[in-house]
Amino acid sequence: MISLLVKLLLLGALIFFGLAYFGYDLNLRAAWQTTKTCVDLCLEDGCDGKCFYQHEMLTPRQEK
């Protein structure tokens, strides 16, 4: 009984930390991609709001 409880607790902790880690990792990857490519996309095709917003959060607006 105790070993089952411990297994469930460990599984829950693993899932929780896994989601937290991968969610954080995905956010970092998305942020890195916007700084890398969003300016190019904005210059070529115009930028969708989400990409523009993420880029604005990371870099100050440059005056034209």
PDB file of N, CA and C in Angstrom:
ATOM      1  N   MET A   1       0.830  -1.207   0.000  1.00  0.00           N
ATOM      2  CA  MET A   1       0.000   0.000   0.000  1.00  0.00           C
ATOM      3  C   MET A   1       0.866   1.260   0.000  1.00  0.00           C
ATOM      4  N   ILE A   2       1.878   1.254   0.851  1.00  0.00           N
ATOM      5  CA  ILE A   2       2.750   2.430   0.934  1.00  0.00           C
ATOM      6  C   ILE A   2       3.539   2.600  -0.369  1.00  0.00           C
ATOM      7  N   SER A   3       4.005   1.484  -0.922  1.00  0.00           N
ATOM      8  CA  SER A   3       4.781   1.594  -2.157  1.00  0.00           C
ATOM      9  C   SER A   3       3.913   2.140  -3.297  1.00  0.00           C
ATOM     10  N   LEU A   4       2.632   1.779  -3.329  1.00  0.00           N
ATOM     11  CA  LEU A   4       1.727   2.314  -4.344  1.00  0.00           C
ATOM     12  C   LEU A   4       1.556   3.825  -4.168  1.00  0.00           C
ATOM     13  N   LEU A   5       1.417   4.256  -2.932  1.00  0.00           N
ATOM     14  CA  LEU A   5       1.300   5.686  -2.650  1.00  0.00           C
ATOM     15  C   LEU A   5       2.556   6.434  -3.088  1.00  0.00           C
ATOM     16  N   VAL A   6       3.703   5.865  -2.769  1.00  0.00           N
ATOM     17  CA  VAL A   6       4.971   6.491  -3.140  1.00  0.00           C
ATOM     18  C   VAL A   6       5.093   6.567  -4.657  1.00  0.00           C
ATOM     19  N   LYS A   7       4.704   5.492  -5.350  1.00  0.00           N
ATOM     20  CA  LYS A   7       4.775   5.493  -6.816  1.00  0.00           C
ATOM     21  C   LYS A   7       3.868   6.566  -7.406  1.00  0.00           C
ATOM     22  N   LEU A   8       2.655   6.677  -6.876  1.00  0.00           N
ATOM     23  CA  LEU A   8       1.737   7.702  -7.373  1.00  0.00           C
ATOM     24  C   LEU A   8       2.266   9.107  -7.102  1.00  0.00           C
ATOM     25  N   LEU A   9       2.840   9.291  -5.928  1.00  0.00           N
ATOM     26  CA  LEU A   9       3.401  10.591  -5.577  1.00  0.00           C
ATOM     27  C   LEU A   9       4.568  10.950  -6.502  1.00  0.00           C
ATOM     28  N   LEU A  10       5.455   9.992  -6.730  1.00  0.00           N
ATOM     29  CA  LEU A  10       6.585  10.226  -7.626  1.00  0.00           C
ATOM     30  C   LEU A  10       6.114  10.488  -9.053  1.00  0.00           C
ATOM     31  N   LEU A  11       5.118   9.725  -9.496  1.00  0.00           N
ATOM     32  CA  LEU A  11       4.587   9.923 -10.841  1.00  0.00           C
ATOM     33  C   LEU A  11       3.970  11.313 -10.985  1.00  0.00           C
ATOM     34  N   GLY A  12       3.214  11.729  -9.973  1.00  0.00           N
ATOM     35  CA  GLY A  12       2.620  13.064  -9.995  1.00  0.00           C
ATOM     36  C   GLY A  12       3.680  14.156 -10.022  1.00  0.00           C
ATOM     37  N   ALA A  13       4.713  13.988  -9.204  1.00  0.00           N
ATOM     38  CA  ALA A  13       5.796  14.976  -9.174  1.00  0.00           C
ATOM     39  C   ALA A  13       6.525  15.007 -10.516  1.00  0.00           C
ATOM     40  N   LEU A  14       6.751  13.834 -11.089  1.00  0.00           N
ATOM     41  CA  LEU A  14       7.437  13.748 -12.375  1.00  0.00           C
ATOM     42  C   LEU A  14       6.633  14.449 -13.468  1.00  0.00           C
ATOM     43  N   ILE A  15       5.330  14.196 -13.490  1.00  0.00           N
ATOM     44  CA  ILE A  15       4.468  14.841 -14.483  1.00  0.00           C
ATOM     45  C   ILE A  15       4.456  16.356 -14.277  1.00  0.00           C
ATOM     46  N   PHE A  16       4.317  16.787 -13.023  1.00  0.00           N
ATOM     47  CA  PHE A  16       4.267  18.219 -12.727  1.00  0.00           C
ATOM     48  C   PHE A  16       5.557  18.924 -13.151  1.00  0.00           C
ATOM     49  N   PHE A  17       6.698  18.370 -12.725  1.00  0.00           N
ATOM     50  CA  PHE A  17       7.970  19.011 -13.065  1.00  0.00           C
ATOM     51  C   PHE A  17       8.280  18.887 -14.546  1.00  0.00           C
ATOM     52  N   GLY A  18       7.859  17.776 -15.145  1.00  0.00           N
ATOM     53  CA  GLY A  18       8.049  17.616 -16.586  1.00  0.00           C
ATOM     54  C   GLY A  18       7.291  18.674 -17.368  1.00  0.00           C
ATOM     55  N   LEU A  19       6.029  18.888 -17.000  1.00  0.00           N
ATOM     56  CA  LEU A  19       5.236  19.911 -17.679  1.00  0.00           C
ATOM     57  C   LEU A  19       5.818  21.298 -17.440  1.00  0.00           C
ATOM     58  N   ALA A  20       6.234  21.558 -16.211  1.00  0.00           N
ATOM     59  CA  ALA A  20       6.826  22.862 -15.901  1.00  0.00           C
ATOM     60  C   ALA A  20       8.104  23.070 -16.712  1.00  0.00           C
ATOM     61  N   TYR A  21       8.943  22.031 -16.778  1.00  0.00           N
ATOM     62  CA  TYR A  21      10.207  22.146 -17.509  1.00  0.00           C
ATOM     63  C   TYR A  21       9.961  22.332 -18.997  1.00  0.00           C
ATOM     64  N   PHE A  22       9.102  21.471 -19.572  1.00  0.00           N
ATOM     65  CA  PHE A  22       8.898  21.550 -21.014  1.00  0.00           C
ATOM     66  C   PHE A  22       8.137  22.810 -21.401  1.00  0.00           C
ATOM     67  N   GLY A  23       7.210  23.239 -20.558  1.00  0.00           N
ATOM     68  CA  GLY A  23       6.520  24.490 -20.841  1.00  0.00           C
ATOM     69  C   GLY A  23       7.494  25.660 -20.848  1.00  0.00           C
ATOM     70  N   TYR A  24       8.391  25.685 -19.880  1.00  0.00           N
ATOM     71  CA  TYR A  24       9.399  26.743 -19.808  1.00  0.00           C
ATOM     72  C   TYR A  24      10.319  26.683 -21.019  1.00  0.00           C
ATOM     73  N   ASP A  25      10.729  25.449 -21.369  1.00  0.00           N
ATOM     74  CA  ASP A  25      11.619  25.257 -22.500  1.00  0.00           C
ATOM     75  C   ASP A  25      10.954  25.721 -23.793  1.00  0.00           C
ATOM     76  N   LEU A  26       9.688  25.391 -23.969  1.00  0.00           N
ATOM     77  CA  LEU A  26       8.978  25.807 -25.175  1.00  0.00           C
ATOM     78  C   LEU A  26       8.843  27.321 -25.232  1.00  0.00           C
ATOM     79  N   ASN A  27       8.598  27.959 -24.097  1.00  0.00           N
ATOM     80  CA  ASN A  27       8.509  29.418 -24.076  1.00  0.00           C
ATOM     81  C   ASN A  27       9.838  30.048 -24.458  1.00  0.00           C
ATOM     82  N   LEU A  28      10.933  29.497 -23.931  1.00  0.00           N
ATOM     83  CA  LEU A  28      12.246  30.026 -24.284  1.00  0.00           C
ATOM     84  C   LEU A  28      12.520  29.836 -25.765  1.00  0.00           C
ATOM     85  N   ARG A  29      12.153  28.665 -26.283  1.00  0.00           N
ATOM     86  CA  ARG A  29      12.407  28.393 -27.692  1.00  0.00           C
ATOM     87  C   ARG A  29      11.587  29.338 -28.566  1.00  0.00           C
ATOM     88  N   ALA A  30      10.328  29.572 -28.193  1.00  0.00           N
ATOM     89  CA  ALA A  30       9.477  30.481 -28.965  1.00  0.00           C
ATOM     90  C   ALA A  30      10.040  31.901 -28.908  1.00  0.00           C
ATOM     91  N   ALA A  31      10.504  32.315 -27.733  1.00  0.00           N
ATOM     92  CA  ALA A  31      11.071  33.654 -27.592  1.00  0.00           C
ATOM     93  C   ALA A  31      12.337  33.787 -28.431  1.00  0.00           C
ATOM     94  N   TRP A  32      13.168  32.751 -28.417  1.00  0.00           N
ATOM     95  CA  TRP A  32      14.399  32.784 -29.206  1.00  0.00           C
ATOM     96  C   TRP A  32      14.078  32.877 -30.687  1.00  0.00           C
ATOM     97  N   GLN A  33      13.058  32.135 -31.130  1.00  0.00           N
ATOM     98  CA  GLN A  33      12.688  32.171 -32.541  1.00  0.00           C
ATOM     99  C   GLN A  33      12.153  33.542 -32.937  1.00  0.00           C
ATOM    100  N   THR A  34      11.414  34.198 -32.048  1.00  0.00           N
ATOM    101  CA  THR A  34      10.880  35.507 -32.419  1.00  0.00           C
ATOM    102  C   THR A  34      12.003  36.524 -32.535  1.00  0.00           C
ATOM    103  N   THR A  35      12.994  36.471 -31.668  1.00  0.00           N
ATOM    104  CA  THR A  35      14.087  37.435 -31.775  1.00  0.00           C
ATOM    105  C   THR A  35      14.915  37.139 -33.014  1.00  0.00           C
ATOM    106  N   LYS A  36      14.950  35.877 -33.402  1.00  0.00           N
ATOM    107  CA  LYS A  36      15.771  35.487 -34.537  1.00  0.00           C
ATOM    108  C   LYS A  36      15.076  35.772 -35.869  1.00  0.00           C
ATOM    109  N   THR A  37      13.772  35.505 -35.947  1.00  0.00           N
ATOM    110  CA  THR A  37      13.112  35.538 -37.250  1.00  0.00           C
ATOM    111  C   THR A  37      11.966  36.532 -37.357  1.00  0.00           C
ATOM    112  N   CYS A  38      11.455  37.037 -36.246  1.00  0.00           N
ATOM    113  CA  CYS A  38      10.241  37.850 -36.318  1.00  0.00           C
ATOM    114  C   CYS A  38      10.486  39.148 -37.070  1.00  0.00           C
ATOM    115  N   VAL A  39      11.634  39.746 -36.898  1.00  0.00           N
ATOM    116  CA  VAL A  39      11.936  40.991 -37.605  1.00  0.00           C
ATOM    117  C   VAL A  39      11.944  40.743 -39.103  1.00  0.00           C
ATOM    118  N   ASP A  40      12.558  39.649 -39.517  1.00  0.00           N
ATOM    119  CA  ASP A  40      12.585  39.308 -40.937  1.00  0.00           C
ATOM    120  C   ASP A  40      11.174  39.081 -41.464  1.00  0.00           C
ATOM    121  N   LEU A  41      10.358  38.356 -40.675  1.00  0.00           N
ATOM    122  CA  LEU A  41       8.978  38.112 -41.087  1.00  0.00           C
ATOM    123  C   LEU A  41       8.197  39.416 -41.184  1.00  0.00           C
ATOM    124  N   CYS A  42       8.407  40.310 -40.225  1.00  0.00           N
ATOM    125  CA  CYS A  42       7.689  41.584 -40.237  1.00  0.00           C
ATOM    126  C   CYS A  42       8.079  42.402 -41.460  1.00  0.00           C
ATOM    127  N   LEU A  43       9.351  42.385 -41.820  1.00  0.00           N
ATOM    128  CA  LEU A  43       9.810  43.157 -42.965  1.00  0.00           C
ATOM    129  C   LEU A  43       9.270  42.573 -44.263  1.00  0.00           C
ATOM    130  N   GLU A  44       9.185  41.241 -44.340  1.00  0.00           N
ATOM    131  CA  GLU A  44       8.754  40.603 -45.583  1.00  0.00           C
ATOM    132  C   GLU A  44       7.235  40.610 -45.742  1.00  0.00           C
ATOM    133  N   ASP A  45       6.534  40.010 -44.768  1.00  0.00           N
ATOM    134  CA  ASP A  45       5.107  39.732 -44.949  1.00  0.00           C
ATOM    135  C   ASP A  45       4.218  40.537 -44.020  1.00  0.00           C
ATOM    136  N   GLY A  46       4.804  41.296 -43.115  1.00  0.00           N
ATOM    137  CA  GLY A  46       4.001  41.846 -42.032  1.00  0.00           C
ATOM    138  C   GLY A  46       3.951  40.806 -40.924  1.00  0.00           C
ATOM    139  N   CYS A  47       3.711  41.270 -39.724  1.00  0.00           N
ATOM    140  CA  CYS A  47       3.829  40.388 -38.572  1.00  0.00           C
ATOM    141  C   CYS A  47       2.457  40.142 -37.978  1.00  0.00           C
ATOM    142  N   ASP A  48       2.187  38.898 -37.588  1.00  0.00           N
ATOM    143  CA  ASP A  48       0.940  38.659 -36.862  1.00  0.00           C
ATOM    144  C   ASP A  48       1.092  39.201 -35.446  1.00  0.00           C
ATOM    145  N   GLY A  49      -0.028  39.477 -34.792  1.00  0.00           N
ATOM    146  CA  GLY A  49       0.001  40.179 -33.513  1.00  0.00           C
ATOM    147  C   GLY A  49       0.799  39.467 -32.445  1.00  0.00           C
ATOM    148  N   LYS A  50       0.683  38.146 -32.374  1.00  0.00           N
ATOM    149  CA  LYS A  50       1.356  37.410 -31.317  1.00  0.00           C
ATOM    150  C   LYS A  50       2.868  37.506 -31.470  1.00  0.00           C
ATOM    151  N   CYS A  51       3.332  37.294 -32.675  1.00  0.00           N
ATOM    152  CA  CYS A  51       4.774  37.351 -32.926  1.00  0.00           C
ATOM    153  C   CYS A  51       5.290  38.759 -32.645  1.00  0.00           C
ATOM    154  N   PHE A  52       4.561  39.761 -33.096  1.00  0.00           N
ATOM    155  CA  PHE A  52       4.970  41.145 -32.881  1.00  0.00           C
ATOM    156  C   PHE A  52       5.005  41.469 -31.393  1.00  0.00           C
ATOM    157  N   TYR A  53       3.975  40.993 -30.672  1.00  0.00           N
ATOM    158  CA  TYR A  53       3.910  41.250 -29.237  1.00  0.00           C
ATOM    159  C   TYR A  53       5.090  40.614 -28.518  1.00  0.00           C
ATOM    160  N   GLN A  54       5.402  39.362 -28.841  1.00  0.00           N
ATOM    161  CA  GLN A  54       6.526  38.686 -28.189  1.00  0.00           C
ATOM    162  C   GLN A  54       7.829  39.412 -28.508  1.00  0.00           C
ATOM    163  N   HIS A  55       7.973  39.850 -29.739  1.00  0.00           N
ATOM    164  CA  HIS A  55       9.194  40.550 -30.116  1.00  0.00           C
ATOM    165  C   HIS A  55       9.305  41.873 -29.363  1.00  0.00           C
ATOM    166  N   GLU A  56       8.200  42.589 -29.241  1.00  0.00           N
ATOM    167  CA  GLU A  56       8.201  43.864 -28.533  1.00  0.00           C
ATOM    168  C   GLU A  56       8.541  43.688 -27.056  1.00  0.00           C
ATOM    169  N   MET A  57       8.125  42.568 -26.479  1.00  0.00           N
ATOM    170  CA  MET A  57       8.418  42.318 -25.071  1.00  0.00           C
ATOM    171  C   MET A  57       9.912  42.102 -24.851  1.00  0.00           C
ATOM    172  N   LEU A  58      10.603  41.601 -25.873  1.00  0.00           N
ATOM    173  CA  LEU A  58      12.007  41.240 -25.709  1.00  0.00           C
ATOM    174  C   LEU A  58      12.955  42.351 -26.141  1.00  0.00           C
ATOM    175  N   THR A  59      12.564  43.131 -27.132  1.00  0.00           N
ATOM    176  CA  THR A  59      13.471  44.159 -27.634  1.00  0.00           C
ATOM    177  C   THR A  59      12.749  45.500 -27.674  1.00  0.00           C
ATOM    178  N   PRO A  60      13.432  46.572 -27.353  1.00  0.00           N
ATOM    179  CA  PRO A  60      12.802  47.889 -27.419  1.00  0.00           C
ATOM    180  C   PRO A  60      12.456  48.246 -28.861  1.00  0.00           C
ATOM    181  N   ARG A  61      11.418  49.029 -29.022  1.00  0.00           N
ATOM    182  CA  ARG A  61      11.000  49.439 -30.365  1.00  0.00           C
ATOM    183  C   ARG A  61      12.050  50.363 -30.960  1.00  0.00           C
ATOM    184  N   GLN A  62      12.406  50.085 -32.198  1.00  0.00           N
ATOM    185  CA  GLN A  62      13.372  50.945 -32.872  1.00  0.00           C
ATOM    186  C   GLN A  62      12.615  52.015 -33.642  1.00  0.00           C
ATOM    187  N   GLU A  63      13.045  53.246 -33.481  1.00  0.00           N
ATOM    188  CA  GLU A  63      12.393  54.340 -34.199  1.00  0.00           C
ATOM    189  C   GLU A  63      12.803  54.287 -35.662  1.00  0.00           C
ATOM    190  N   LYS A  64      11.812  54.517 -36.537  1.00  0.00           N
ATOM    191  CA  LYS A  64      12.127  54.490 -37.974  1.00  0.00           C
ATOM    192  C   LYS A  64      12.523  55.878 -38.450  1.00  0.00           C
TER     193      LYS A  64
END
